[in-house]
Protein backbone atom coordinates (compact mmCIF):
# COMPACT_ATOMS: atom_id res chain seq x y z
CA MET A 1 -0.01 0.02 0.17
CA ARG A 2 1.08 3.57 -0.59
CA GLY A 3 2.25 5.87 2.54
CA PRO A 4 1.48 9.27 2.78
CA GLY A 5 4.75 10.01 1.69
CA ALA A 6 4.18 8.79 -1.47
CA TRP A 7 0.75 10.30 -1.81
CA TRP A 8 2.37 13.38 -1.19
CA ARG A 9 5.12 13.02 -3.83
CA ALA A 10 2.68 12.29 -6.24
CA GLN A 11 1.00 15.68 -6.12
CA SER A 12 1.83 18.70 -8.36
CA THR A 13 3.18 21.70 -6.71
CA PRO A 14 0.01 23.62 -7.02
CA ALA A 15 -1.86 20.82 -5.43
CA LYS A 16 0.61 20.57 -2.71
CA VAL A 17 0.38 24.48 -2.46
CA GLU A 18 -3.17 23.77 -1.94
CA THR A 19 -3.50 20.87 0.25
CA TYR A 20 -1.15 22.95 2.57
CA THR A 21 -3.09 25.88 2.64
CA ARG A 22 -6.38 24.01 2.99
CA TRP A 23 -5.58 22.02 5.77
CA SER A 24 -3.56 25.19 7.69
CA PHE A 25 -6.92 26.98 7.85
CA HIS A 26 -8.95 23.67 8.94
CA SER A 27 -6.54 23.46 11.85
CA PHE A 28 -8.38 26.68 13.12
CA ALA A 29 -11.23 25.11 14.09
CA LEU A 30 -9.29 22.28 16.09
CA ILE A 31 -7.38 25.41 17.64
CA GLU A 32 -10.90 27.06 18.88
CA VAL A 33 -12.08 23.97 20.51
CA SER A 34 -8.98 23.15 22.31
CA THR A 35 -8.16 26.55 23.43
CA VAL A 36 -11.51 27.60 24.53
CA GLY A 37 -14.01 24.81 24.93
CA LEU A 38 -12.02 22.02 26.45
CA PRO A 39 -10.10 24.21 29.39
CA ALA A 40 -13.29 25.47 30.20
CA PHE A 41 -14.41 22.28 32.00
CA ALA A 42 -11.30 23.03 34.33
CA GLN A 43 -11.52 26.76 34.71
CA VAL A 44 -15.31 27.45 34.82
CA GLY A 45 -17.10 23.98 35.65
CA ALA A 46 -19.20 21.37 33.75
CA PRO A 47 -22.47 23.52 33.44
CA LEU A 48 -21.08 26.83 32.29
CA ALA A 49 -18.63 24.64 30.03
CA LEU A 50 -21.59 22.66 28.40
CA VAL A 51 -23.06 25.71 27.61
CA MET A 52 -20.28 27.21 26.04
CA LEU A 53 -19.03 24.13 23.68
CA PRO A 54 -22.40 23.69 21.52
CA PRO A 55 -21.99 27.27 20.00
CA LEU A 56 -18.28 27.25 19.58
CA THR A 57 -18.51 23.84 18.09
CA VAL A 58 -20.84 25.32 15.44
CA HIS A 59 -18.76 28.03 15.13
CA ALA A 60 -15.76 26.01 14.70
CA LEU A 61 -17.28 23.80 12.16
CA LEU A 62 -18.91 26.88 10.36
CA VAL A 63 -15.10 28.40 10.21
CA SER A 64 -14.10 25.03 8.28
CA VAL A 65 -16.61 24.97 5.71
CA THR A 66 -16.00 28.51 5.07
CA SER A 67 -12.66 28.04 4.54
CA SER A 68 -12.86 25.37 2.49
CA ARG A 69 -15.50 27.25 0.17
CA ALA A 70 -13.68 30.10 0.24
CA LEU A 71 -10.55 28.10 -1.13
CA ASP A 72 -12.60 26.39 -3.69
CA TRP A 73 -13.88 29.61 -5.01
CA THR A 74 -10.16 30.84 -5.26
CA CYS A 75 -9.19 27.97 -7.18
CA GLY A 76 -11.98 28.46 -9.77
CA ARG A 77 -14.11 25.34 -8.68
CA ARG A 78 -17.49 27.40 -7.19
CA GLU A 79 -19.25 30.52 -6.59
CA GLN A 80 -18.32 32.94 -3.95
CA PRO A 81 -19.46 31.87 -0.67
CA VAL A 82 -21.85 34.70 0.03
CA ARG A 83 -24.21 32.95 2.30
CA LEU A 84 -21.85 31.13 4.32
CA ILE A 85 -19.76 34.19 4.71
CA ALA A 86 -22.97 36.07 5.98
CA ALA A 87 -23.82 33.19 8.00
CA LEU A 88 -20.01 33.43 9.87
CA GLY A 89 -20.66 36.84 10.29
CA VAL A 90 -23.54 37.30 12.24
CA LEU A 91 -22.80 34.15 14.23
CA THR A 92 -19.49 35.47 15.35
CA ALA A 93 -20.91 38.77 16.06
CA LEU A 94 -23.76 37.12 18.29
CA LEU A 95 -21.25 35.01 20.49
CA GLY A 96 -18.35 37.90 20.79
CA ILE A 97 -21.42 40.02 22.35
CA ALA A 98 -22.20 36.83 24.62
CA ALA A 99 -18.92 36.75 25.59
CA LEU A 100 -18.98 40.20 26.31
CA ALA A 101 -22.15 40.06 27.97
CA VAL A 102 -20.96 36.77 30.34
CA SER A 103 -17.72 38.71 31.32
CA GLU A 104 -19.60 41.89 32.70
CA HIS A 105 -22.81 40.58 33.98
CA GLY A 106 -22.31 36.76 33.95
CA PRO A 107 -21.41 34.64 37.11
CA SER A 108 -18.51 36.57 39.29
CA GLY A 109 -15.07 35.45 39.19
CA ASP A 110 -11.60 35.55 37.57
CA ASP A 111 -12.10 32.08 36.17
CA VAL A 112 -15.62 33.00 34.42
CA ASP A 113 -13.87 36.74 33.41
CA THR A 114 -10.83 35.08 31.53
CA THR A 115 -12.58 32.12 29.57
CA ALA A 116 -15.07 34.66 28.41
CA GLY A 117 -12.21 36.96 27.31
CA THR A 118 -10.17 34.00 25.77
CA PHE A 119 -13.71 32.87 23.96
CA PHE A 120 -14.14 36.51 22.42
CA VAL A 121 -10.18 36.87 21.50
CA VAL A 122 -10.62 33.91 19.93
CA VAL A 123 -14.06 33.23 18.25
CA VAL A 124 -14.10 37.11 16.96
CA PRO A 125 -10.47 37.27 14.88
CA PHE A 126 -10.74 33.91 13.67
CA GLY A 127 -14.66 34.32 12.64
CA VAL A 128 -13.15 37.58 10.76
CA GLY A 129 -10.01 35.99 9.36
CA MET A 130 -11.98 32.97 7.69
CA MET A 131 -14.81 35.71 6.23
CA ALA A 132 -11.74 37.60 4.71
CA LEU A 133 -10.78 34.42 2.86
CA GLY A 134 -13.66 34.72 0.72
CA MET A 135 -13.70 38.15 0.08
CA ARG A 136 -11.94 40.56 -2.35
CA ARG A 137 -8.98 42.60 -1.03
CA ARG A 138 -10.55 46.03 -1.16
CA ARG A 139 -13.59 44.55 1.17
CA VAL A 140 -11.22 43.10 3.75
CA LEU A 141 -10.43 46.34 5.25
CA ALA A 142 -13.94 47.50 5.47
CA LEU A 143 -14.70 43.81 7.12
CA LEU A 144 -11.94 44.59 9.94
CA SER A 145 -12.90 47.93 10.84
CA GLY A 146 -16.62 47.11 10.91
CA PHE A 147 -15.96 44.60 13.49
CA ALA A 148 -13.61 46.68 15.15
CA ALA A 149 -15.87 49.56 15.80
CA GLY A 150 -19.01 47.45 16.46
CA THR A 151 -16.97 45.54 19.46
CA TRP A 152 -16.16 49.29 20.72
CA VAL A 153 -20.00 49.98 20.47
CA ALA A 154 -21.09 46.64 21.82
CA ALA A 155 -18.82 46.55 24.60
CA PHE A 156 -19.80 50.20 25.61
CA LEU A 157 -23.58 49.60 25.44
CA ILE A 158 -22.68 46.47 27.77
CA GLY A 159 -21.50 48.39 30.23
CA ARG A 160 -17.62 48.54 29.81
CA PRO A 161 -15.94 51.49 30.40
CA ALA A 162 -14.86 53.76 27.11
CA ALA A 163 -11.30 52.84 27.66
CA THR A 164 -11.78 49.40 28.39
CA ALA A 165 -14.11 49.13 25.30
CA ALA A 166 -11.47 50.79 23.03
CA ALA A 167 -8.65 48.42 24.27
CA THR A 168 -11.27 45.53 23.33
CA ALA A 169 -11.85 47.03 19.99
CA LEU A 170 -8.23 47.16 19.15
CA ALA A 171 -7.30 43.54 20.14
CA VAL A 172 -9.77 42.64 17.77
CA LEU A 173 -8.23 44.76 15.29
CA LEU A 174 -4.63 43.77 16.13
CA ILE A 175 -5.36 39.95 16.03
CA GLY A 176 -8.62 40.17 13.42
CA GLY A 177 -5.57 41.92 10.99
CA VAL A 178 -3.14 39.43 11.26
CA LEU A 179 -5.70 36.56 10.72
CA CYS A 180 -6.69 38.92 7.94
CA LEU A 181 -3.29 39.22 6.31
CA THR A 182 -2.83 35.72 6.31
CA SER A 183 -5.64 34.83 4.38
CA THR A 184 -5.16 37.41 1.76
CA PHE A 185 -1.22 36.32 1.59
CA SER A 186 -2.40 32.72 1.28
CA VAL A 187 -5.53 33.37 -1.65
CA TRP A 188 -2.64 35.64 -3.37
CA LEU A 189 0.06 32.61 -3.22
CA LEU A 190 -2.51 30.39 -4.09
CA ASN A 191 -3.61 32.06 -7.10
CA ALA A 192 0.08 32.96 -8.01
CA VAL A 193 0.99 29.00 -8.19
CA LEU A 194 -2.36 28.21 -10.07
CA GLU A 195 -1.01 30.76 -12.68
CA LEU A 196 2.37 29.82 -13.02
CA ASP A 197 1.12 26.24 -13.39
CA THR A 198 -1.44 27.51 -16.10
CA ALA A 199 1.68 29.37 -17.71
CA ARG A 200 3.52 25.98 -18.13
CA GLU A 201 0.95 24.07 -19.62
CA THR A 202 0.17 26.92 -21.96
CA ARG A 203 4.26 27.27 -23.08
CA THR A 204 3.93 23.30 -24.01
CA ARG A 205 0.84 23.73 -25.91
CA LEU A 206 2.67 26.89 -27.86
CA ALA A 207 5.24 24.60 -28.82
CA VAL A 208 3.32 22.05 -30.08
CA ALA A 209 1.20 24.62 -31.99
CA GLU A 210 4.86 26.16 -33.44
CA GLU A 211 5.95 22.65 -34.38
CA ARG A 212 2.64 22.23 -35.96
CA LEU A 213 2.84 25.71 -37.85
CA ARG A 214 6.49 25.03 -38.98
CA PHE A 215 5.71 21.63 -40.42
CA GLY A 216 2.50 23.41 -42.40
CA ARG A 217 4.73 26.07 -43.80
CA ASP A 218 7.06 23.87 -44.90
CA LEU A 219 4.55 21.41 -46.95
CA HIS A 220 3.13 25.10 -48.28
CA ASP A 221 6.47 26.16 -49.60
CA VAL A 222 6.96 22.59 -51.03
CA MET A 223 3.43 22.21 -52.55
CA GLY A 224 1.97 25.88 -53.22
CA ARG A 225 3.87 26.47 -56.26
CA ASN A 226 3.69 22.89 -57.71
CA LEU A 227 -0.02 22.72 -57.36
CA ALA A 228 -0.34 26.19 -58.82
CA VAL A 229 1.76 25.20 -61.73
CA ILE A 230 -0.16 22.09 -62.01
CA ALA A 231 -3.35 23.77 -62.28
CA LEU A 232 -2.05 26.09 -64.91
CA LYS A 233 -1.04 23.07 -67.21
CA SER A 234 -3.75 20.97 -66.49
CA GLU A 235 -6.18 24.26 -67.72
CA LEU A 236 -3.79 24.64 -70.93
CA ALA A 237 -3.75 20.84 -71.65
CA VAL A 238 -7.28 21.24 -71.72
CA GLN A 239 -7.93 23.97 -73.83
CA LEU A 240 -5.38 22.43 -76.39
CA ALA A 241 -6.97 19.12 -76.34
CA ARG A 242 -10.32 21.16 -77.23
CA ARG A 243 -8.68 22.27 -80.00
CA GLU A 244 -7.14 18.88 -80.99
CA ARG A 245 -3.23 20.38 -80.54
CA PRO A 246 -0.96 17.58 -80.10
CA GLU A 247 0.84 19.95 -77.40
CA ALA A 248 -1.95 18.93 -75.01
CA VAL A 249 -0.30 15.43 -74.51
CA GLU A 250 3.13 17.27 -73.80
CA GLN A 251 1.46 19.20 -70.99
CA MET A 252 -0.03 16.38 -69.26
CA ILE A 253 3.24 14.48 -69.28
CA GLU A 254 4.42 17.62 -67.87
CA VAL A 255 1.85 17.53 -65.21
CA GLN A 256 2.84 14.02 -64.52
CA ARG A 257 6.50 14.84 -64.02
CA ILE A 258 5.50 17.54 -61.68
CA ALA A 259 3.23 15.83 -59.47
CA ARG A 260 5.78 13.25 -58.97
CA GLU A 261 8.41 15.86 -58.40
CA SER A 262 5.89 16.77 -55.37
CA GLN A 263 5.78 13.66 -54.12
CA ARG A 264 9.48 13.27 -53.62
CA GLU A 265 9.74 16.80 -51.95
CA VAL A 266 7.01 15.99 -49.66
CA ARG A 267 8.44 12.65 -48.95
CA GLU A 268 11.91 14.66 -48.02
CA VAL A 269 10.03 16.92 -45.95
CA VAL A 270 8.12 14.27 -43.92
CA ARG A 271 11.59 12.20 -43.65
CA GLY A 272 13.62 15.72 -42.63
CA TYR A 273 10.90 15.87 -39.85
CA ARG A 274 10.68 12.36 -38.59
CA GLU A 275 14.52 11.90 -38.47
CA VAL A 276 15.99 14.14 -35.56
CA ASP A 277 19.33 15.14 -34.95
CA LEU A 278 20.53 14.01 -31.40
CA GLY A 279 22.32 16.99 -30.52
CA VAL A 280 20.11 19.49 -31.45
CA GLU A 281 17.29 17.64 -29.37
CA LEU A 282 20.00 17.50 -26.60
CA LEU A 283 20.18 20.66 -26.51
CA GLY A 284 16.58 21.39 -26.83
CA ALA A 285 15.73 19.74 -24.03
CA GLN A 286 18.12 21.35 -22.09
CA GLY A 287 16.70 24.81 -23.28
CA VAL A 288 12.75 23.96 -22.70
CA LEU A 289 13.51 22.04 -19.11
CA THR A 290 15.35 25.34 -17.96
CA ALA A 291 12.66 27.34 -19.44
CA ALA A 292 10.19 25.54 -17.30
CA GLY A 293 11.86 25.81 -13.96
CA VAL A 294 13.51 22.58 -14.30
CA GLU A 295 17.36 22.22 -13.72
CA CYS A 296 18.83 20.12 -16.55
CA THR A 297 22.37 19.04 -16.97
CA VAL A 298 23.40 16.80 -20.44
CA THR A 299 26.56 15.15 -20.59
CA GLY A 300 27.82 13.52 -23.72
CA SER A 301 27.78 14.32 -27.34
CA ALA A 302 26.58 12.95 -30.33
CA SER A 303 28.57 14.34 -32.98
CA GLU A 304 29.99 11.09 -34.17
CA LEU A 305 27.38 8.78 -33.94
CA PRO A 306 25.61 7.32 -37.21
CA SER A 307 22.36 9.02 -38.29
CA ALA A 308 19.90 5.88 -37.61
CA VAL A 309 21.39 5.79 -33.84
CA GLN A 310 20.87 9.70 -33.63
CA SER A 311 17.42 9.53 -35.11
CA ALA A 312 16.20 6.93 -32.66
CA LEU A 313 17.56 8.06 -29.30
CA GLY A 314 16.44 11.69 -30.48
CA TRP A 315 13.03 10.44 -30.11
CA VAL A 316 13.36 9.38 -26.84
CA VAL A 317 14.85 12.62 -25.65
CA ARG A 318 11.74 14.12 -27.04
CA GLU A 319 9.46 11.42 -25.27
CA ALA A 320 11.11 11.85 -21.67
CA THR A 321 11.73 15.54 -21.97
CA THR A 322 7.83 15.76 -22.80
CA ASN A 323 6.66 13.28 -19.64
CA VAL A 324 8.82 15.51 -17.24
CA LEU A 325 7.16 18.72 -18.55
CA ARG A 326 3.40 17.38 -18.73
CA HIS A 327 3.39 14.33 -16.42
CA GLY A 328 5.92 15.08 -13.87
CA ASP A 329 6.67 17.64 -11.04
CA ALA A 330 10.87 17.47 -11.18
CA GLY A 331 12.83 19.88 -10.02
CA HIS A 332 16.20 18.45 -11.60
CA CYS A 333 16.47 16.14 -14.85
CA ARG A 334 19.74 14.73 -15.77
CA VAL A 335 20.42 13.41 -19.31
CA SER A 336 23.56 11.43 -20.08
CA LEU A 337 24.76 9.80 -23.55
CA GLY A 338 27.86 7.48 -23.56
CA VAL A 339 29.34 4.31 -25.49
CA GLU A 340 29.76 1.36 -23.73
CA GLY A 341 31.55 -1.31 -25.68
CA THR A 342 29.61 -1.57 -28.69
CA ARG A 343 26.06 0.21 -27.54
CA VAL A 344 25.32 3.82 -27.12
CA VAL A 345 23.41 4.27 -23.82
CA LEU A 346 20.96 7.34 -23.19
CA THR A 347 19.88 8.05 -19.99
CA VAL A 348 17.26 10.22 -18.75
CA GLU A 349 16.83 10.95 -14.97
CA ASN A 350 14.55 12.90 -13.07
CA ASP A 351 12.80 13.49 -9.60
CA GLY A 352 9.15 13.57 -10.60
CA VAL A 353 8.93 10.09 -10.52
CA GLU A 354 5.11 9.63 -8.91
CA ARG A 355 3.69 11.86 -11.73
CA ASP A 356 5.93 10.84 -14.35
CA ARG A 357 4.77 7.28 -15.16
CA VAL A 358 3.34 7.13 -18.55
CA PRO A 359 1.09 4.32 -19.87
CA SER A 360 3.01 1.56 -21.76
CA THR A 361 0.23 1.46 -24.56
CA PRO A 362 0.03 4.14 -27.00
CA THR A 363 -2.73 6.09 -27.91
CA SER A 364 -1.38 6.29 -31.53
CA LYS A 365 1.16 4.97 -33.56
CA GLY A 366 4.83 6.42 -32.61
CA SER A 367 3.63 7.83 -29.38
CA GLY A 368 4.15 6.99 -25.87
CA LEU A 369 6.65 4.20 -24.16
CA ALA A 370 5.32 1.57 -26.69
CA GLY A 371 6.05 3.77 -29.63
CA LEU A 372 9.69 4.57 -28.32
CA ARG A 373 10.30 0.59 -28.29
CA GLU A 374 9.25 0.28 -31.76
CA ARG A 375 11.25 2.93 -33.17
CA LEU A 376 14.60 1.46 -31.37
CA SER A 377 13.84 -1.92 -31.92
CA ALA A 378 13.95 -0.97 -35.80
CA VAL A 379 17.75 -0.70 -35.21
CA ASP A 380 17.90 -3.51 -32.62
CA GLY A 381 17.55 -1.13 -29.47
CA THR A 382 16.00 -1.43 -25.90
CA LEU A 383 14.02 0.81 -23.65
CA GLU A 384 13.77 0.38 -20.22
CA ALA A 385 11.52 2.75 -18.02
CA GLY A 386 10.34 3.11 -14.10
CA PRO A 387 11.13 4.58 -10.89
CA VAL A 388 14.38 4.04 -9.20
CA ASP A 389 15.66 4.85 -5.68
CA GLY A 390 12.02 5.37 -4.68
CA ASP A 391 11.70 9.40 -5.74
CA ARG A 392 13.17 9.47 -9.11
CA PHE A 393 12.09 8.11 -12.77
CA ARG A 394 14.48 6.81 -15.19
CA VAL A 395 14.54 6.09 -19.03
CA VAL A 396 17.29 3.85 -20.44
CA ALA A 397 17.67 3.47 -23.93
CA GLU A 398 20.28 1.21 -25.79
CA VAL A 399 21.29 1.09 -29.27
CA PRO A 400 23.97 -1.10 -30.75
CA LEU A 401 26.18 0.64 -32.99
CA PRO A 402 26.75 -0.69 -36.65
CA ALA A 403 29.41 -2.42 -37.15
CA THR A 404 31.29 0.00 -39.44
CA ALA A 405 31.41 2.64 -36.30
CA THR A 406 34.37 2.75 -34.11
CA SER A 407 35.03 3.46 -30.53
CA SER A 408 35.89 6.73 -31.34
CA SER A 409 32.37 7.56 -31.39
CA SER A 410 32.43 7.60 -27.50
CA ALA A 411 30.60 10.55 -25.67
CA SER A 412 32.50 13.58 -24.48
CA PRO A 413 31.66 16.88 -22.76
CA PRO A 414 29.18 18.76 -24.57
CA PRO A 415 31.36 21.82 -26.37
CA SER A 416 29.62 24.53 -24.59
CA SER A 417 26.95 25.17 -21.52
CA SER A 418 25.90 28.61 -23.25
CA PRO A 419 22.21 29.00 -23.64
CA SER A 420 20.72 26.49 -26.27
CA PRO A 421 19.33 27.96 -29.78
CA ALA A 422 15.57 27.74 -30.05
CA PRO A 423 14.53 24.15 -29.32
CA ARG A 424 12.84 21.99 -31.40
CA PRO A 425 9.29 21.02 -29.29
CA VAL A 426 9.38 18.13 -27.58
CA ASN A 427 5.67 16.42 -27.68
CA GLU A 428 4.28 13.34 -28.67
CA GLU A 429 1.59 14.76 -30.23
CA VAL A 430 3.50 16.19 -32.62
CA ALA A 431 5.00 12.87 -33.87
CA PRO A 432 3.79 11.94 -37.28
C-alpha cells in the first residue's frame, strides 16, 4: 500500500500548495475547540462549559466549511460563498456579544472573566479572518474596521468603560488584522502558483502549435508552387485538347512529372521531420526544461554517432522531456549519453517519479513508451523505464553501434554550456 509520503510526492506543486493552505485553515477549527472549549471544563466547571461548547463547536465547523468553500472559489471551482460568509459573520457577532455580556454581567470570578475573554479573543478574530478568505481584498479592510467599531460599540453599551471598550476593539483590530493578512496572502500565493502552472501548460501547447505551423509552412512552400503550376498546365492541356492540338499530350506529361516531383519533395519534408538530430534534441531538451524551471544537466556528445542511432535516440529524448514537462513535477533532470562497448546508452533521469509514469500502451502509433520501443527495435535497441530509488524516474535506451562504427564515437562533454538555440518542441502529440 502507498503511504502518505508517496501520496504527497504524487501531487503537483499547485496541489501541494493548495493542500497545505486548506489544512492550515482547517486547523483553526481545532484551535478554537482545544483552546477555549475543552479548558473551560477545568476553569468554570461543567455546567457553564456545556453551555459554551455547542455554539463554539458550531462556529468552528462553520469556520472550517467557509474556509473550504472560499478556497474552492479561489481555485475557480465554486461561486463565492456569500451566504456562508454572511452566516459566519452573524454567528461571530452574536457569540462575541454573548462573551462580552458574560464577562460583564455573568457569574463572578476571575476564571469566568478569563474564559469569556479568551472566548471573545479567539472566536471574533478567527471569524473575521475566515470571512476575509472568501472576500475581495478591497473589502477586507472594511470588514475588519466594521468588526472593530462594532466591538467598541457593543462593549460600551454592555457597560464596559470607554477605555476598556477601546482596548477590546483594538485587540480585535490587531489579532483580526493579522489573520486577515494571513488569509489574503494565502489566497495571493495560491493564485500565483495556479497561474504559473497554467502558464507552464500554455507554453507546452504553444510549442506544439509552433511545430505544427513550421511543418505546415514547409508543406506550403513545397506544394504551393507545384500545385499552382499543375493547375495552370492542366487548364492549358484542356484548352489544347479541345482544339485537338498535339501539344496537349506534352502538357499532361509535364503535369505528371511535376506531380511525381511533388511527391518526392513531400517525402523529403516528412523524412526531415521524422529524422531528428540527437545533438539538437539534447540542446533543445536542456533549453525547454530550463525555461520550465527544471534544472537540467546534459553530458555527452552525439557528433560522431551514426544518423540512424541519432534519430532513434532523438525520439527518446523528445518523449522523455515531454513526460517531465507534462506528467512530472521535477526539480532536476539529468541527461547522459555515452558509449559502453559496442552500445550507445542514453539515460534520462528526473525526480518527478510519481507523476512521471506514462502508460506503456500508446494512444497512437509512434507515441508513448510503446512507440519508442518500436522505433528502437528498428535499430535493435532496447528501452527500460520506471521509478528508481523510490523518488526518481529513469529512462534508459540502448542502441548497438553498426559494425562500421568505431569506439571513437565515445561520448565527450558538450562543447559549450551556453544557452541553447530555439529548441525543437518535444511532445508526442506532434509525432507523425
